[in-house]
Amino acid sequence: MVTTPATANALIPATILTGFLGSGKTTLLKRVLSEAHGQKIAVIENEFGDENIDNEILVQDSKEQIIQLNNGCVCCSIREDLRTTLADLAERKRKGELQFDRVVIETTGLADPGPVAQTFFMDDEIAECYLLDSILTLVDAKHGEQQLDDRQEARRQIGFADKIFISKSDLVDEAAVDALSHRIKHMNPRAPQSRVHFGEVPIANVFDLRGFNLNAKLDIDPDFLNADAHGHDHAHHDHDHEHGEHCDHPSHHVHDDDVKSFVFRSDKAFNPAKLEDFLASIVQVYGPKLLRYKGVLFMKGSTKKVIFQGVHQLMGSDLGPAWAPGEKKNSKMVFIGIDLPRDIFVQGLEQCLA
């Protein structure tokens, strides 16, 4: 279950940093590690390489897999697996051997962030020590289009993101960046995008984004929702929005990417038992292809909003705030995944309405 433990204050926040080779992850990490923000950060990497942090700000001791930086930050490489490394770091923090306030995990350029994210929910020991804050994805404006065309890993990284940074936008013309940005928005309408210069991102834009918090704020890009919201039926399906046929964006070429998103909305209440059964079966069947999904739901018989979200097969839900007096009750859900059969989802969800 993707739930936030009650002791959230004591948990160590964790950020997953992903992005294709050359997208600027290392530049961003160096900045995060060397900026004087008063926070001690532990960075976990798959391996220390020439490309990585070292040399400039590292105090190197190659026998030890944990390296203390001169500003109090820590770097370590993944030993057997991420779980062991996280458990080891938490243990050393408890014993007072290491001081750090948060963890950043840099994945390799080809990694699927899904299993990394799931580690924080599936393992009790990890869930008791850490709180997954968000998945950040960096995209290189110069090579991004090509990478998205050629590599499913790059498309998956977009689908998982809570926030997307487009780097090197100064190296291409405005129209090209706009087209890339537009394409990304179709794949993931819930992740805000920022254009960054040489990985220079203010720390406030990187940490404490609460991408995995179960809250009533469902961040779906408003332009995505308004692009063709004629709103004439109770569960409006954003007509083929994912393919961009209705798109009048001048520089937008139609990319039929396999990572797509769609939004389901309805003013009718859901039957809780039916919806639970349907979502459980969808997650069973399509779990590996579901990257991120989230919703704020209007449930029959509940005075409160119900909030649900998930990564792959892991789904959690929680009661949110009460519907305010006079507030229009409705459900809004976003699904991001690979070749998801939208019609099956929409039909199934409509059959769960009370």
Protein backbone atom coordinates (compact mmCIF):
# COMPACT_ATOMS: atom_id res chain seq x y z
CA MET A 1 0.00 0.00 0.00
CA VAL A 2 1.22 3.46 -0.83
CA THR A 3 0.40 5.17 2.43
CA THR A 4 2.12 7.84 4.41
CA PRO A 5 3.02 6.61 7.90
CA ALA A 6 1.86 8.72 10.82
CA THR A 7 5.43 9.35 11.92
CA ALA A 8 6.20 11.22 8.71
CA ASN A 9 8.11 13.91 10.63
CA ALA A 10 10.82 11.52 11.67
CA LEU A 11 11.24 9.95 8.25
CA ILE A 12 14.18 10.68 5.98
CA PRO A 13 12.91 12.17 2.70
CA ALA A 14 14.18 10.47 -0.47
CA THR A 15 14.29 11.77 -4.04
CA ILE A 16 14.83 9.63 -7.13
CA LEU A 17 16.74 11.41 -9.87
CA THR A 18 16.42 9.92 -13.33
CA GLY A 19 17.12 10.97 -16.88
CA PHE A 20 18.97 9.85 -19.95
CA LEU A 21 22.73 10.01 -20.35
CA GLY A 22 23.90 13.54 -20.87
CA SER A 23 20.70 15.10 -19.53
CA GLY A 24 22.60 16.83 -16.74
CA LYS A 25 21.95 14.63 -13.69
CA THR A 26 25.54 14.92 -12.54
CA THR A 27 25.55 18.71 -12.96
CA LEU A 28 22.36 18.91 -10.93
CA LEU A 29 23.79 16.63 -8.25
CA LYS A 30 27.00 18.62 -7.98
CA ARG A 31 24.95 21.74 -7.53
CA VAL A 32 22.73 20.14 -4.91
CA LEU A 33 25.75 18.82 -3.03
CA SER A 34 27.81 21.97 -3.11
CA GLU A 35 25.16 24.67 -2.71
CA ALA A 36 25.12 26.19 0.74
CA HIS A 37 21.60 25.25 1.77
CA GLY A 38 22.54 23.97 5.18
CA GLN A 39 21.21 20.49 4.47
CA LYS A 40 23.33 17.39 4.63
CA ILE A 41 22.47 15.13 1.74
CA ALA A 42 23.35 11.49 1.13
CA VAL A 43 23.63 10.61 -2.55
CA ILE A 44 23.31 6.98 -3.59
CA GLU A 45 24.62 6.05 -7.01
CA ASN A 46 24.76 2.82 -8.95
CA GLU A 47 28.46 3.23 -9.35
CA PHE A 48 31.08 5.92 -9.00
CA GLY A 49 32.46 6.62 -12.45
CA ASP A 50 34.67 9.22 -14.09
CA GLU A 51 31.53 11.11 -15.01
CA ASN A 52 30.34 11.34 -11.45
CA ILE A 53 30.66 13.66 -8.58
CA ASP A 54 34.17 12.79 -7.45
CA ASN A 55 37.43 14.65 -8.02
CA GLU A 56 36.07 18.14 -7.53
CA ILE A 57 34.36 17.91 -4.18
CA LEU A 58 35.08 14.42 -2.97
CA VAL A 59 37.44 13.30 -0.29
CA GLN A 60 38.20 9.98 -1.90
CA ASP A 61 38.71 6.71 -0.06
CA SER A 62 38.06 3.97 -2.56
CA LYS A 63 38.04 1.09 -0.06
CA GLU A 64 35.03 2.51 1.74
CA GLN A 65 31.82 2.67 -0.24
CA ILE A 66 30.61 5.65 1.73
CA ILE A 67 32.46 8.89 1.16
CA GLN A 68 32.11 11.92 3.40
CA LEU A 69 32.29 15.21 1.53
CA ASN A 70 33.99 18.20 3.04
CA ASN A 71 30.64 20.00 3.43
CA GLY A 72 29.17 17.14 5.45
CA CYS A 73 27.26 15.53 2.59
CA VAL A 74 27.76 11.82 1.93
CA CYS A 75 28.13 9.78 -1.27
CA CYS A 76 27.79 6.04 -1.50
CA SER A 77 27.48 3.40 -4.17
CA ILE A 78 24.86 0.68 -4.15
CA ARG A 79 26.25 -2.53 -2.70
CA GLU A 80 24.15 -5.64 -3.27
CA ASP A 81 20.96 -3.75 -3.83
CA LEU A 82 19.28 -0.49 -3.03
CA ARG A 83 17.39 -1.90 -0.07
CA THR A 84 20.57 -2.99 1.71
CA THR A 85 22.24 0.34 1.03
CA LEU A 86 19.26 2.31 2.37
CA ALA A 87 19.01 0.12 5.46
CA ASP A 88 22.74 0.50 6.09
CA LEU A 89 22.60 4.30 5.76
CA ALA A 90 19.62 4.54 8.14
CA GLU A 91 21.39 2.30 10.65
CA ARG A 92 24.54 4.41 10.59
CA LYS A 93 22.49 7.58 10.99
CA ARG A 94 20.76 6.06 14.03
CA LYS A 95 24.10 5.19 15.57
CA GLY A 96 25.36 8.71 14.96
CA GLU A 97 28.11 7.55 12.59
CA LEU A 98 26.67 9.54 9.69
CA GLN A 99 24.77 12.80 9.65
CA PHE A 100 22.36 13.47 6.78
CA ASP A 101 18.94 15.04 6.36
CA ARG A 102 17.80 13.48 3.11
CA VAL A 103 18.72 11.01 0.39
CA VAL A 104 18.99 11.43 -3.38
CA ILE A 105 19.17 8.26 -5.48
CA GLU A 106 20.65 8.72 -8.91
CA THR A 107 19.58 5.95 -11.27
CA THR A 108 21.59 4.95 -14.32
CA GLY A 109 20.46 6.51 -17.58
CA LEU A 110 18.67 3.34 -18.63
CA ALA A 111 16.98 2.53 -15.35
CA ASP A 112 13.27 2.13 -14.85
CA PRO A 113 12.46 4.20 -11.73
CA GLY A 114 9.45 1.96 -10.91
CA PRO A 115 11.21 -0.77 -8.90
CA VAL A 116 13.30 1.90 -7.15
CA ALA A 117 10.09 3.67 -6.07
CA GLN A 118 8.47 0.40 -5.01
CA THR A 119 11.34 -0.35 -2.62
CA PHE A 120 10.00 2.45 -0.38
CA PHE A 121 6.55 0.90 -0.10
CA MET A 122 7.13 -2.84 -0.22
CA ASP A 123 9.77 -3.13 2.43
CA ASP A 124 8.64 -2.45 5.98
CA GLU A 125 12.08 -1.62 7.30
CA ILE A 126 12.65 0.95 4.55
CA ALA A 127 9.12 2.36 4.91
CA GLU A 128 9.73 2.91 8.63
CA CYS A 129 12.86 4.99 7.95
CA TYR A 130 12.21 6.80 4.67
CA LEU A 131 9.52 8.79 2.93
CA LEU A 132 9.69 8.84 -0.86
CA ASP A 133 9.28 12.48 -1.83
CA SER A 134 9.36 12.48 -5.62
CA ILE A 135 10.78 11.23 -8.88
CA LEU A 136 12.58 13.91 -10.88
CA THR A 137 13.32 13.37 -14.57
CA LEU A 138 15.82 15.38 -16.57
CA VAL A 139 15.41 15.64 -20.33
CA ASP A 140 18.08 17.02 -22.63
CA ALA A 141 16.45 19.51 -25.01
CA LYS A 142 19.00 18.83 -27.73
CA HIS A 143 18.70 15.04 -27.82
CA GLY A 144 15.38 14.54 -26.05
CA GLU A 145 13.18 14.06 -29.12
CA GLN A 146 15.54 11.44 -30.53
CA GLN A 147 15.83 9.63 -27.20
CA LEU A 148 12.05 9.57 -26.81
CA ASP A 149 11.75 8.21 -30.36
CA ASP A 150 14.36 5.50 -29.88
CA ARG A 151 14.22 4.41 -26.27
CA GLN A 152 11.28 3.20 -24.26
CA GLU A 153 13.31 3.73 -21.07
CA ALA A 154 13.35 7.46 -21.80
CA ARG A 155 9.58 7.47 -22.31
CA ARG A 156 9.01 5.50 -19.11
CA GLN A 157 11.12 7.98 -17.15
CA ILE A 158 8.76 10.73 -18.33
CA GLY A 159 5.73 8.69 -17.29
CA PHE A 160 7.02 8.18 -13.75
CA ALA A 161 8.03 11.79 -13.11
CA ASP A 162 6.56 14.09 -10.50
CA LYS A 163 8.56 16.93 -11.99
CA ILE A 164 10.43 17.29 -15.27
CA PHE A 165 13.46 19.49 -15.90
CA ILE A 166 14.31 20.26 -19.53
CA SER A 167 18.03 20.98 -19.65
CA LYS A 168 20.21 22.52 -22.38
CA SER A 169 17.27 24.44 -23.79
CA ASP A 170 19.71 27.21 -24.72
CA LEU A 171 21.23 24.88 -27.34
CA VAL A 172 18.09 24.58 -29.47
CA ASP A 173 15.55 27.04 -30.81
CA GLU A 174 12.39 27.97 -28.93
CA ALA A 175 10.08 26.07 -31.30
CA ALA A 176 11.98 22.82 -30.74
CA VAL A 177 11.80 23.18 -26.95
CA ASP A 178 8.08 23.97 -27.20
CA ALA A 179 7.46 20.89 -29.32
CA LEU A 180 9.38 18.69 -26.88
CA SER A 181 7.55 20.21 -23.94
CA HIS A 182 4.20 19.65 -25.65
CA ARG A 183 5.03 16.05 -26.41
CA ILE A 184 6.07 15.42 -22.79
CA LYS A 185 2.84 16.97 -21.55
CA HIS A 186 0.82 14.43 -23.52
CA MET A 187 2.78 11.63 -21.91
CA ASN A 188 2.57 13.03 -18.40
CA PRO A 189 0.12 15.89 -17.75
CA ARG A 190 0.57 15.77 -13.98
CA ALA A 191 4.28 16.63 -13.83
CA PRO A 192 5.11 20.33 -13.93
CA GLN A 193 7.97 21.16 -16.31
CA SER A 194 10.84 23.60 -15.79
CA ARG A 195 13.50 24.64 -18.26
CA VAL A 196 16.86 24.74 -16.57
CA HIS A 197 20.22 26.10 -17.58
CA PHE A 198 23.20 23.79 -17.06
CA GLY A 199 21.40 21.91 -14.34
CA GLU A 200 21.07 25.07 -12.27
CA VAL A 201 17.92 24.49 -10.31
CA PRO A 202 17.03 26.21 -7.06
CA ILE A 203 16.87 23.67 -4.24
CA ALA A 204 13.26 24.61 -3.52
CA ASN A 205 12.33 23.16 -6.93
CA VAL A 206 14.04 19.87 -6.21
CA PHE A 207 13.10 18.86 -2.68
CA ASP A 208 9.92 18.50 -0.66
CA LEU A 209 7.70 18.26 -3.73
CA ARG A 210 5.54 15.61 -2.02
CA GLY A 211 4.87 13.77 -5.25
CA PHE A 212 3.84 10.62 -3.39
CA ASN A 213 1.80 12.27 -0.68
CA LEU A 214 -1.79 11.22 -0.73
CA ASN A 215 -3.40 14.61 -0.88
CA ALA A 216 -6.41 16.14 -2.54
CA LYS A 217 -4.29 18.15 -4.93
CA LEU A 218 -4.25 16.29 -8.21
CA ASP A 219 -1.71 18.13 -10.30
CA ILE A 220 -2.84 17.73 -13.86
CA ASP A 221 -1.57 20.38 -16.18
CA PRO A 222 -4.56 22.72 -16.72
CA ASP A 223 -3.68 23.21 -20.41
CA PHE A 224 -3.97 19.48 -20.89
CA LEU A 225 -7.42 19.46 -19.33
CA ASN A 226 -8.62 22.50 -21.23
CA ALA A 227 -7.17 21.57 -24.59
CA ASP A 228 -10.41 20.02 -25.74
CA ALA A 229 -12.68 20.01 -22.73
CA HIS A 230 -16.08 20.35 -24.34
CA GLY A 231 -17.49 18.81 -21.19
CA HIS A 232 -20.70 17.58 -22.78
CA ASP A 233 -20.81 14.13 -21.26
CA HIS A 234 -20.60 13.01 -17.66
CA ALA A 235 -17.33 11.16 -18.09
CA HIS A 236 -15.47 13.18 -20.61
CA HIS A 237 -12.72 11.20 -22.28
CA ASP A 238 -10.51 13.86 -23.80
CA HIS A 239 -11.23 12.66 -27.34
CA ASP A 240 -8.08 11.06 -28.65
CA HIS A 241 -6.19 13.75 -26.84
CA GLU A 242 -3.24 11.45 -26.50
CA HIS A 243 -2.72 11.24 -30.26
CA GLY A 244 -2.82 14.96 -30.71
CA GLU A 245 -5.29 14.93 -33.61
CA HIS A 246 -7.14 17.84 -32.09
CA CYS A 247 -3.98 19.67 -31.41
CA ASP A 248 -3.57 23.00 -33.06
CA HIS A 249 -0.09 23.52 -31.70
CA PRO A 250 1.87 24.83 -34.69
CA SER A 251 5.11 23.00 -34.14
CA HIS A 252 3.60 19.80 -32.80
CA HIS A 253 4.17 16.77 -34.95
CA VAL A 254 2.00 13.85 -34.00
CA HIS A 255 4.03 11.38 -31.99
CA ASP A 256 2.09 8.30 -31.15
CA ASP A 257 4.22 7.46 -28.13
CA ASP A 258 3.56 4.22 -26.30
CA VAL A 259 3.65 6.09 -22.98
CA LYS A 260 0.38 7.98 -22.81
CA SER A 261 -1.90 9.49 -20.26
CA PHE A 262 -5.60 9.93 -20.07
CA VAL A 263 -7.90 11.60 -17.62
CA PHE A 264 -11.25 10.25 -16.50
CA ARG A 265 -13.78 12.60 -14.94
CA SER A 266 -17.28 12.09 -13.70
CA ASP A 267 -19.85 14.04 -11.68
CA LYS A 268 -21.58 10.82 -10.64
CA ALA A 269 -20.51 9.06 -7.45
CA PHE A 270 -18.63 5.76 -7.58
CA ASN A 271 -19.97 2.61 -5.99
CA PRO A 272 -17.06 1.86 -3.60
CA ALA A 273 -17.21 -1.94 -3.78
CA LYS A 274 -17.45 -2.01 -7.58
CA LEU A 275 -14.63 0.50 -8.00
CA GLU A 276 -12.36 -1.37 -5.62
CA ASP A 277 -12.92 -4.62 -7.52
CA PHE A 278 -12.35 -2.99 -10.87
CA LEU A 279 -9.18 -1.15 -9.84
CA ALA A 280 -7.83 -4.32 -8.22
CA SER A 281 -8.33 -6.27 -11.45
CA ILE A 282 -6.86 -3.50 -13.62
CA VAL A 283 -3.77 -3.36 -11.42
CA GLN A 284 -3.46 -7.17 -11.57
CA VAL A 285 -3.64 -7.26 -15.36
CA TYR A 286 -1.92 -4.02 -16.38
CA GLY A 287 0.33 -3.40 -13.36
CA PRO A 288 3.64 -3.69 -15.23
CA LYS A 289 2.40 -1.23 -17.86
CA LEU A 290 0.90 1.22 -15.38
CA LEU A 291 3.57 3.76 -14.49
CA ARG A 292 1.75 6.26 -12.28
CA TYR A 293 -1.90 6.77 -11.55
CA LYS A 294 -3.67 9.04 -9.16
CA GLY A 295 -7.16 10.25 -8.43
CA VAL A 296 -9.46 12.25 -6.18
CA LEU A 297 -12.73 10.37 -5.98
CA PHE A 298 -16.36 11.13 -5.21
CA MET A 299 -17.62 8.02 -3.41
CA LYS A 300 -21.23 7.23 -2.66
CA GLY A 301 -21.87 7.35 1.08
CA SER A 302 -18.69 9.22 1.94
CA THR A 303 -18.66 12.83 3.09
CA LYS A 304 -14.92 12.92 2.39
CA LYS A 305 -12.86 12.83 -0.76
CA VAL A 306 -11.12 9.53 -1.36
CA ILE A 307 -7.59 9.82 -2.70
CA PHE A 308 -5.79 6.98 -4.41
CA GLN A 309 -2.51 6.57 -6.22
CA GLY A 310 -0.13 3.93 -7.35
CA VAL A 311 3.06 2.82 -9.06
CA HIS A 312 2.87 -0.37 -11.14
CA GLN A 313 0.99 -2.99 -9.07
CA LEU A 314 1.17 -1.06 -5.81
CA MET A 315 -1.93 0.96 -5.09
CA GLY A 316 -2.95 2.78 -1.94
CA SER A 317 -5.89 4.93 -0.94
CA ASP A 318 -6.80 7.20 1.90
CA LEU A 319 -9.61 9.44 3.08
CA GLY A 320 -8.93 13.05 2.22
CA PRO A 321 -10.60 16.22 3.47
CA ALA A 322 -14.38 16.53 3.60
CA TRP A 323 -16.17 17.98 0.59
CA ALA A 324 -16.67 21.64 1.41
CA PRO A 325 -20.22 22.99 1.65
CA GLY A 326 -21.31 23.92 -1.87
CA GLU A 327 -18.26 22.31 -3.47
CA LYS A 328 -19.07 20.50 -6.70
CA LYS A 329 -18.45 16.81 -6.07
CA ASN A 330 -16.76 14.94 -8.86
CA SER A 331 -14.05 12.40 -9.54
CA LYS A 332 -10.90 13.05 -11.47
CA MET A 333 -8.34 10.34 -12.26
CA VAL A 334 -5.20 10.31 -14.35
CA PHE A 335 -3.57 7.13 -15.66
CA ILE A 336 -0.08 7.15 -17.17
CA GLY A 337 1.20 3.97 -18.74
CA ILE A 338 2.42 2.01 -21.73
CA ASP A 339 -0.17 1.17 -24.38
CA LEU A 340 -3.00 1.19 -21.86
CA PRO A 341 -6.35 0.15 -23.38
CA ARG A 342 -8.15 3.38 -22.67
CA ASP A 343 -11.56 2.04 -23.80
CA ILE A 344 -11.41 -0.84 -21.33
CA PHE A 345 -10.51 1.52 -18.49
CA VAL A 346 -13.19 4.07 -19.36
CA GLN A 347 -15.91 1.47 -19.87
CA GLY A 348 -14.96 -0.30 -16.65
CA LEU A 349 -14.91 2.93 -14.65
CA GLU A 350 -18.28 3.99 -16.04
CA GLN A 351 -19.74 0.67 -14.92
CA CYS A 352 -18.56 1.41 -11.37
CA LEU A 353 -20.58 4.62 -11.13
CA ALA A 354 -23.47 4.40 -8.71
